[in-house]
Amino acid sequence: ALATLAIFNFIGNWNAFLWPLIAASKPRMF
């Protein structure tokens, strides 16, 4: 279960777009 959760969470946060777009306005933090 830990391995499955790690895969889903890593992929989800790696591909996250909407919130990082809002939370970071400076190019160095993209």
All heavy atoms as atom14 arrays in JSON, in Angstrom:
{
  "sequence": "ALATLAIFNFIGNWNAFLWPLIAASKPRMF",
  "atom14_mask": [
    [1, 1, 1, 1, 1, 0, 0, 0, 0, 0, 0, 0, 0, 0],
    [1, 1, 1, 1, 1, 1, 1, 1, 0, 0, 0, 0, 0, 0],
    [1, 1, 1, 1, 1, 0, 0, 0, 0, 0, 0, 0, 0, 0],
    [1, 1, 1, 1, 1, 1, 1, 0, 0, 0, 0, 0, 0, 0],
    [1, 1, 1, 1, 1, 1, 1, 1, 0, 0, 0, 0, 0, 0],
    [1, 1, 1, 1, 1, 0, 0, 0, 0, 0, 0, 0, 0, 0],
    [1, 1, 1, 1, 1, 1, 1, 1, 0, 0, 0, 0, 0, 0],
    [1, 1, 1, 1, 1, 1, 1, 1, 1, 1, 1, 0, 0, 0],
    [1, 1, 1, 1, 1, 1, 1, 1, 0, 0, 0, 0, 0, 0],
    [1, 1, 1, 1, 1, 1, 1, 1, 1, 1, 1, 0, 0, 0],
    [1, 1, 1, 1, 1, 1, 1, 1, 0, 0, 0, 0, 0, 0],
    [1, 1, 1, 1, 0, 0, 0, 0, 0, 0, 0, 0, 0, 0],
    [1, 1, 1, 1, 1, 1, 1, 1, 0, 0, 0, 0, 0, 0],
    [1, 1, 1, 1, 1, 1, 1, 1, 1, 1, 1, 1, 1, 1],
    [1, 1, 1, 1, 1, 1, 1, 1, 0, 0, 0, 0, 0, 0],
    [1, 1, 1, 1, 1, 0, 0, 0, 0, 0, 0, 0, 0, 0],
    [1, 1, 1, 1, 1, 1, 1, 1, 1, 1, 1, 0, 0, 0],
    [1, 1, 1, 1, 1, 1, 1, 1, 0, 0, 0, 0, 0, 0],
    [1, 1, 1, 1, 1, 1, 1, 1, 1, 1, 1, 1, 1, 1],
    [1, 1, 1, 1, 1, 1, 1, 0, 0, 0, 0, 0, 0, 0],
    [1, 1, 1, 1, 1, 1, 1, 1, 0, 0, 0, 0, 0, 0],
    [1, 1, 1, 1, 1, 1, 1, 1, 0, 0, 0, 0, 0, 0],
    [1, 1, 1, 1, 1, 0, 0, 0, 0, 0, 0, 0, 0, 0],
    [1, 1, 1, 1, 1, 0, 0, 0, 0, 0, 0, 0, 0, 0],
    [1, 1, 1, 1, 1, 1, 0, 0, 0, 0, 0, 0, 0, 0],
    [1, 1, 1, 1, 1, 1, 1, 1, 1, 0, 0, 0, 0, 0],
    [1, 1, 1, 1, 1, 1, 1, 0, 0, 0, 0, 0, 0, 0],
    [1, 1, 1, 1, 1, 1, 1, 1, 1, 1, 1, 0, 0, 0],
    [1, 1, 1, 1, 1, 1, 1, 1, 0, 0, 0, 0, 0, 0],
    [1, 1, 1, 1, 1, 1, 1, 1, 1, 1, 1, 0, 0, 0]
  ],
  "atom14_positions": [
    [[0.83, -1.21, 0.0], [0.0, 0.0, 0.0], [0.86, 1.25, 0.0], [0.54, 2.24, -0.66], [-0.93, 0.0, 1.21], [0.0, 0.0, 0.0], [0.0, 0.0, 0.0], [0.0, 0.0, 0.0], [0.0, 0.0, 0.0], [0.0, 0.0, 0.0], [0.0, 0.0, 0.0], [0.0, 0.0, 0.0], [0.0, 0.0, 0.0], [0.0, 0.0, 0.0]],
    [[1.96, 1.24, 0.73], [2.87, 2.39, 0.75], [3.47, 2.63, -0.63], [3.58, 3.78, -1.08], [3.99, 2.16, 1.77], [3.6, 2.24, 3.25], [4.76, 1.81, 4.12], [3.16, 3.66, 3.62], [0.0, 0.0, 0.0], [0.0, 0.0, 0.0], [0.0, 0.0, 0.0], [0.0, 0.0, 0.0], [0.0, 0.0, 0.0], [0.0, 0.0, 0.0]],
    [[3.87, 1.55, -1.3], [4.44, 1.7, -2.64], [3.42, 2.26, -3.62], [3.73, 3.14, -4.43], [4.97, 0.35, -3.12], [0.0, 0.0, 0.0], [0.0, 0.0, 0.0], [0.0, 0.0, 0.0], [0.0, 0.0, 0.0], [0.0, 0.0, 0.0], [0.0, 0.0, 0.0], [0.0, 0.0, 0.0], [0.0, 0.0, 0.0], [0.0, 0.0, 0.0]],
    [[2.19, 1.74, -3.54], [1.12, 2.24, -4.42], [0.84, 3.71, -4.15], [0.7, 4.52, -5.08], [-0.15, 1.41, -4.2], [0.13, 0.04, -4.46], [-1.25, 1.87, -5.15], [0.0, 0.0, 0.0], [0.0, 0.0, 0.0], [0.0, 0.0, 0.0], [0.0, 0.0, 0.0], [0.0, 0.0, 0.0], [0.0, 0.0, 0.0], [0.0, 0.0, 0.0]],
    [[0.74, 4.07, -2.88], [0.48, 5.46, -2.52], [1.62, 6.37, -2.96], [1.39, 7.49, -3.42], [0.28, 5.57, -1.01], [-0.05, 6.96, -0.45], [-1.33, 7.5, -1.07], [-0.18, 6.91, 1.08], [0.0, 0.0, 0.0], [0.0, 0.0, 0.0], [0.0, 0.0, 0.0], [0.0, 0.0, 0.0], [0.0, 0.0, 0.0], [0.0, 0.0, 0.0]],
    [[2.85, 5.89, -2.84], [4.01, 6.68, -3.26], [3.96, 6.95, -4.76], [4.24, 8.07, -5.21], [5.31, 5.96, -2.89], [0.0, 0.0, 0.0], [0.0, 0.0, 0.0], [0.0, 0.0, 0.0], [0.0, 0.0, 0.0], [0.0, 0.0, 0.0], [0.0, 0.0, 0.0], [0.0, 0.0, 0.0], [0.0, 0.0, 0.0], [0.0, 0.0, 0.0]],
    [[3.61, 5.93, -5.54], [3.54, 6.1, -6.99], [2.48, 7.14, -7.36], [2.73, 8.08, -8.11], [3.24, 4.76, -7.68], [4.43, 3.81, -7.55], [2.9, 4.97, -9.16], [4.16, 2.43, -8.09], [0.0, 0.0, 0.0], [0.0, 0.0, 0.0], [0.0, 0.0, 0.0], [0.0, 0.0, 0.0], [0.0, 0.0, 0.0], [0.0, 0.0, 0.0]],
    [[1.27, 6.96, -6.82], [0.18, 7.87, -7.15], [0.5, 9.3, -6.72], [0.24, 10.26, -7.46], [-1.12, 7.41, -6.49], [-1.72, 6.19, -7.1], [-2.53, 5.33, -6.36], [-1.48, 5.87, -8.43], [-3.09, 4.2, -6.94], [-2.02, 4.74, -9.0], [-2.83, 3.9, -8.25], [0.0, 0.0, 0.0], [0.0, 0.0, 0.0], [0.0, 0.0, 0.0]],
    [[1.05, 9.44, -5.52], [1.31, 10.79, -5.01], [2.45, 11.46, -5.77], [2.36, 12.65, -6.1], [1.65, 10.72, -3.52], [1.68, 12.09, -2.89], [0.66, 12.67, -2.57], [2.88, 12.64, -2.7], [0.0, 0.0, 0.0], [0.0, 0.0, 0.0], [0.0, 0.0, 0.0], [0.0, 0.0, 0.0], [0.0, 0.0, 0.0], [0.0, 0.0, 0.0]],
    [[3.52, 10.73, -6.06], [4.64, 11.31, -6.8], [4.2, 11.76, -8.18], [4.51, 12.88, -8.62], [5.78, 10.31, -6.9], [7.04, 10.88, -7.5], [8.02, 11.42, -6.68], [7.24, 10.89, -8.86], [9.18, 11.96, -7.21], [8.4, 11.42, -9.42], [9.37, 11.96, -8.58], [0.0, 0.0, 0.0], [0.0, 0.0, 0.0], [0.0, 0.0, 0.0]],
    [[3.47, 10.89, -8.87], [3.0, 11.24, -10.21], [2.04, 12.43, -10.15], [2.12, 13.35, -10.98], [2.32, 10.03, -10.88], [3.36, 8.94, -11.16], [1.62, 10.43, -12.17], [2.77, 7.66, -11.72], [0.0, 0.0, 0.0], [0.0, 0.0, 0.0], [0.0, 0.0, 0.0], [0.0, 0.0, 0.0], [0.0, 0.0, 0.0], [0.0, 0.0, 0.0]],
    [[1.14, 12.42, -9.17], [0.18, 13.52, -9.06], [0.84, 14.85, -8.81], [0.49, 15.86, -9.42], [0.0, 0.0, 0.0], [0.0, 0.0, 0.0], [0.0, 0.0, 0.0], [0.0, 0.0, 0.0], [0.0, 0.0, 0.0], [0.0, 0.0, 0.0], [0.0, 0.0, 0.0], [0.0, 0.0, 0.0], [0.0, 0.0, 0.0], [0.0, 0.0, 0.0]],
    [[1.83, 14.89, -7.9], [2.52, 16.14, -7.6], [3.5, 16.54, -8.69], [3.73, 17.73, -8.91], [3.24, 16.03, -6.25], [2.3, 16.16, -5.07], [1.91, 17.24, -4.67], [1.93, 15.02, -4.51], [0.0, 0.0, 0.0], [0.0, 0.0, 0.0], [0.0, 0.0, 0.0], [0.0, 0.0, 0.0], [0.0, 0.0, 0.0], [0.0, 0.0, 0.0]],
    [[4.07, 15.57, -9.37], [4.98, 15.88, -10.48], [4.22, 16.52, -11.63], [4.71, 17.44, -12.27], [5.68, 14.62, -10.95], [6.72, 14.84, -12.01], [6.52, 14.85, -13.36], [8.11, 15.12, -11.81], [7.7, 15.1, -14.02], [8.69, 15.27, -13.09], [8.9, 15.26, -10.68], [10.05, 15.55, -13.26], [10.25, 15.53, -10.84], [10.81, 15.68, -12.12]],
    [[3.0, 16.04, -11.88], [2.21, 16.55, -13.0], [1.28, 17.7, -12.61], [0.59, 18.23, -13.48], [1.36, 15.42, -13.59], [2.2, 14.39, -14.31], [3.24, 14.7, -14.87], [1.75, 13.14, -14.31], [0.0, 0.0, 0.0], [0.0, 0.0, 0.0], [0.0, 0.0, 0.0], [0.0, 0.0, 0.0], [0.0, 0.0, 0.0], [0.0, 0.0, 0.0]],
    [[1.24, 18.08, -11.34], [0.33, 19.13, -10.89], [0.6, 20.43, -11.64], [1.75, 20.85, -11.79], [0.48, 19.34, -9.39], [0.0, 0.0, 0.0], [0.0, 0.0, 0.0], [0.0, 0.0, 0.0], [0.0, 0.0, 0.0], [0.0, 0.0, 0.0], [0.0, 0.0, 0.0], [0.0, 0.0, 0.0], [0.0, 0.0, 0.0], [0.0, 0.0, 0.0]],
    [[-0.47, 21.07, -12.07], [-0.31, 22.29, -12.87], [-1.06, 23.49, -12.29], [-0.49, 24.57, -12.15], [-0.81, 22.04, -14.3], [-0.67, 23.23, -15.21], [0.54, 23.56, -15.79], [-1.78, 24.04, -15.48], [0.67, 24.66, -16.62], [-1.66, 25.15, -16.3], [-0.43, 25.46, -16.87], [0.0, 0.0, 0.0], [0.0, 0.0, 0.0], [0.0, 0.0, 0.0]],
    [[-2.33, 23.28, -11.91], [-3.17, 24.42, -11.54], [-2.63, 25.15, -10.31], [-2.42, 26.38, -10.36], [-4.6, 23.95, -11.29], [-5.59, 25.05, -10.86], [-5.69, 26.13, -11.94], [-6.97, 24.45, -10.58], [0.0, 0.0, 0.0], [0.0, 0.0, 0.0], [0.0, 0.0, 0.0], [0.0, 0.0, 0.0], [0.0, 0.0, 0.0], [0.0, 0.0, 0.0]],
    [[-2.43, 24.42, -9.2], [-1.99, 25.11, -7.99], [-0.58, 25.66, -8.1], [-0.33, 26.8, -7.7], [-2.12, 24.19, -6.78], [-1.54, 24.81, -5.53], [-0.46, 24.4, -4.82], [-2.0, 26.0, -4.89], [-0.21, 25.24, -3.77], [-1.15, 26.24, -3.79], [-3.06, 26.89, -5.13], [-1.32, 27.32, -2.93], [-3.22, 27.96, -4.28], [-2.37, 28.17, -3.19]],
    [[0.41, 24.93, -8.63], [1.74, 25.54, -8.81], [1.71, 26.78, -9.71], [2.5, 27.71, -9.5], [2.57, 24.42, -9.45], [1.93, 23.17, -8.96], [0.46, 23.49, -8.91], [0.0, 0.0, 0.0], [0.0, 0.0, 0.0], [0.0, 0.0, 0.0], [0.0, 0.0, 0.0], [0.0, 0.0, 0.0], [0.0, 0.0, 0.0], [0.0, 0.0, 0.0]],
    [[0.8, 26.8, -10.68], [0.67, 27.98, -11.54], [0.2, 29.18, -10.74], [0.64, 30.32, -10.98], [-0.3, 27.68, -12.67], [-0.64, 28.83, -13.62], [0.59, 29.25, -14.41], [-1.78, 28.45, -14.55], [0.0, 0.0, 0.0], [0.0, 0.0, 0.0], [0.0, 0.0, 0.0], [0.0, 0.0, 0.0], [0.0, 0.0, 0.0], [0.0, 0.0, 0.0]],
    [[-0.69, 28.94, -9.76], [-1.23, 30.03, -8.96], [-0.26, 30.44, -7.85], [-0.08, 31.61, -7.55], [-2.59, 29.62, -8.36], [-3.61, 29.39, -9.48], [-3.11, 30.67, -7.38], [-4.92, 28.8, -9.01], [0.0, 0.0, 0.0], [0.0, 0.0, 0.0], [0.0, 0.0, 0.0], [0.0, 0.0, 0.0], [0.0, 0.0, 0.0], [0.0, 0.0, 0.0]],
    [[0.39, 29.44, -7.24], [1.23, 29.7, -6.07], [2.58, 30.3, -6.42], [3.24, 30.89, -5.56], [1.44, 28.41, -5.29], [0.0, 0.0, 0.0], [0.0, 0.0, 0.0], [0.0, 0.0, 0.0], [0.0, 0.0, 0.0], [0.0, 0.0, 0.0], [0.0, 0.0, 0.0], [0.0, 0.0, 0.0], [0.0, 0.0, 0.0], [0.0, 0.0, 0.0]],
    [[3.01, 30.16, -7.67], [4.33, 30.66, -8.07], [4.17, 31.57, -9.28], [3.76, 31.11, -10.35], [5.28, 29.5, -8.39], [0.0, 0.0, 0.0], [0.0, 0.0, 0.0], [0.0, 0.0, 0.0], [0.0, 0.0, 0.0], [0.0, 0.0, 0.0], [0.0, 0.0, 0.0], [0.0, 0.0, 0.0], [0.0, 0.0, 0.0], [0.0, 0.0, 0.0]],
    [[4.51, 32.82, -9.11], [4.44, 33.78, -10.21], [5.81, 34.12, -10.78], [5.91, 34.67, -11.86], [3.75, 35.07, -9.75], [4.45, 35.65, -8.66], [0.0, 0.0, 0.0], [0.0, 0.0, 0.0], [0.0, 0.0, 0.0], [0.0, 0.0, 0.0], [0.0, 0.0, 0.0], [0.0, 0.0, 0.0], [0.0, 0.0, 0.0], [0.0, 0.0, 0.0]],
    [[6.87, 33.78, -10.04], [8.22, 34.05, -10.5], [8.76, 32.83, -11.25], [8.63, 31.7, -10.78], [9.14, 34.38, -9.33], [8.74, 35.65, -8.59], [9.68, 35.93, -7.43], [9.27, 37.21, -6.7], [10.16, 37.5, -5.54], [0.0, 0.0, 0.0], [0.0, 0.0, 0.0], [0.0, 0.0, 0.0], [0.0, 0.0, 0.0], [0.0, 0.0, 0.0]],
    [[9.39, 33.04, -12.43], [9.87, 31.9, -13.22], [10.82, 30.97, -12.47], [10.82, 29.77, -12.71], [10.58, 32.58, -14.4], [9.9, 33.9, -14.54], [9.55, 34.32, -13.14], [0.0, 0.0, 0.0], [0.0, 0.0, 0.0], [0.0, 0.0, 0.0], [0.0, 0.0, 0.0], [0.0, 0.0, 0.0], [0.0, 0.0, 0.0], [0.0, 0.0, 0.0]],
    [[11.6, 31.49, -11.54], [12.56, 30.64, -10.82], [11.86, 29.64, -9.91], [12.47, 28.65, -9.5], [13.52, 31.5, -9.99], [12.85, 32.29, -8.89], [13.85, 33.09, -8.07], [13.19, 33.88, -7.03], [12.82, 33.39, -5.85], [13.04, 32.11, -5.57], [12.22, 34.16, -4.95], [0.0, 0.0, 0.0], [0.0, 0.0, 0.0], [0.0, 0.0, 0.0]],
    [[10.59, 29.87, -9.57], [9.85, 28.96, -8.7], [8.89, 28.06, -9.47], [8.16, 27.28, -8.86], [9.07, 29.75, -7.65], [9.92, 30.42, -6.59], [11.02, 29.27, -5.71], [9.84, 28.1, -5.06], [0.0, 0.0, 0.0], [0.0, 0.0, 0.0], [0.0, 0.0, 0.0], [0.0, 0.0, 0.0], [0.0, 0.0, 0.0], [0.0, 0.0, 0.0]],
    [[8.88, 28.14, -10.8], [7.99, 27.28, -11.58], [8.37, 25.82, -11.38], [9.55, 25.47, -11.3], [8.08, 27.61, -13.07], [7.4, 28.89, -13.46], [7.57, 29.4, -14.74], [6.6, 29.57, -12.58], [6.95, 30.58, -15.12], [5.97, 30.75, -12.94], [6.15, 31.26, -14.22], [0.0, 0.0, 0.0], [0.0, 0.0, 0.0], [0.0, 0.0, 0.0]]
  ]
}
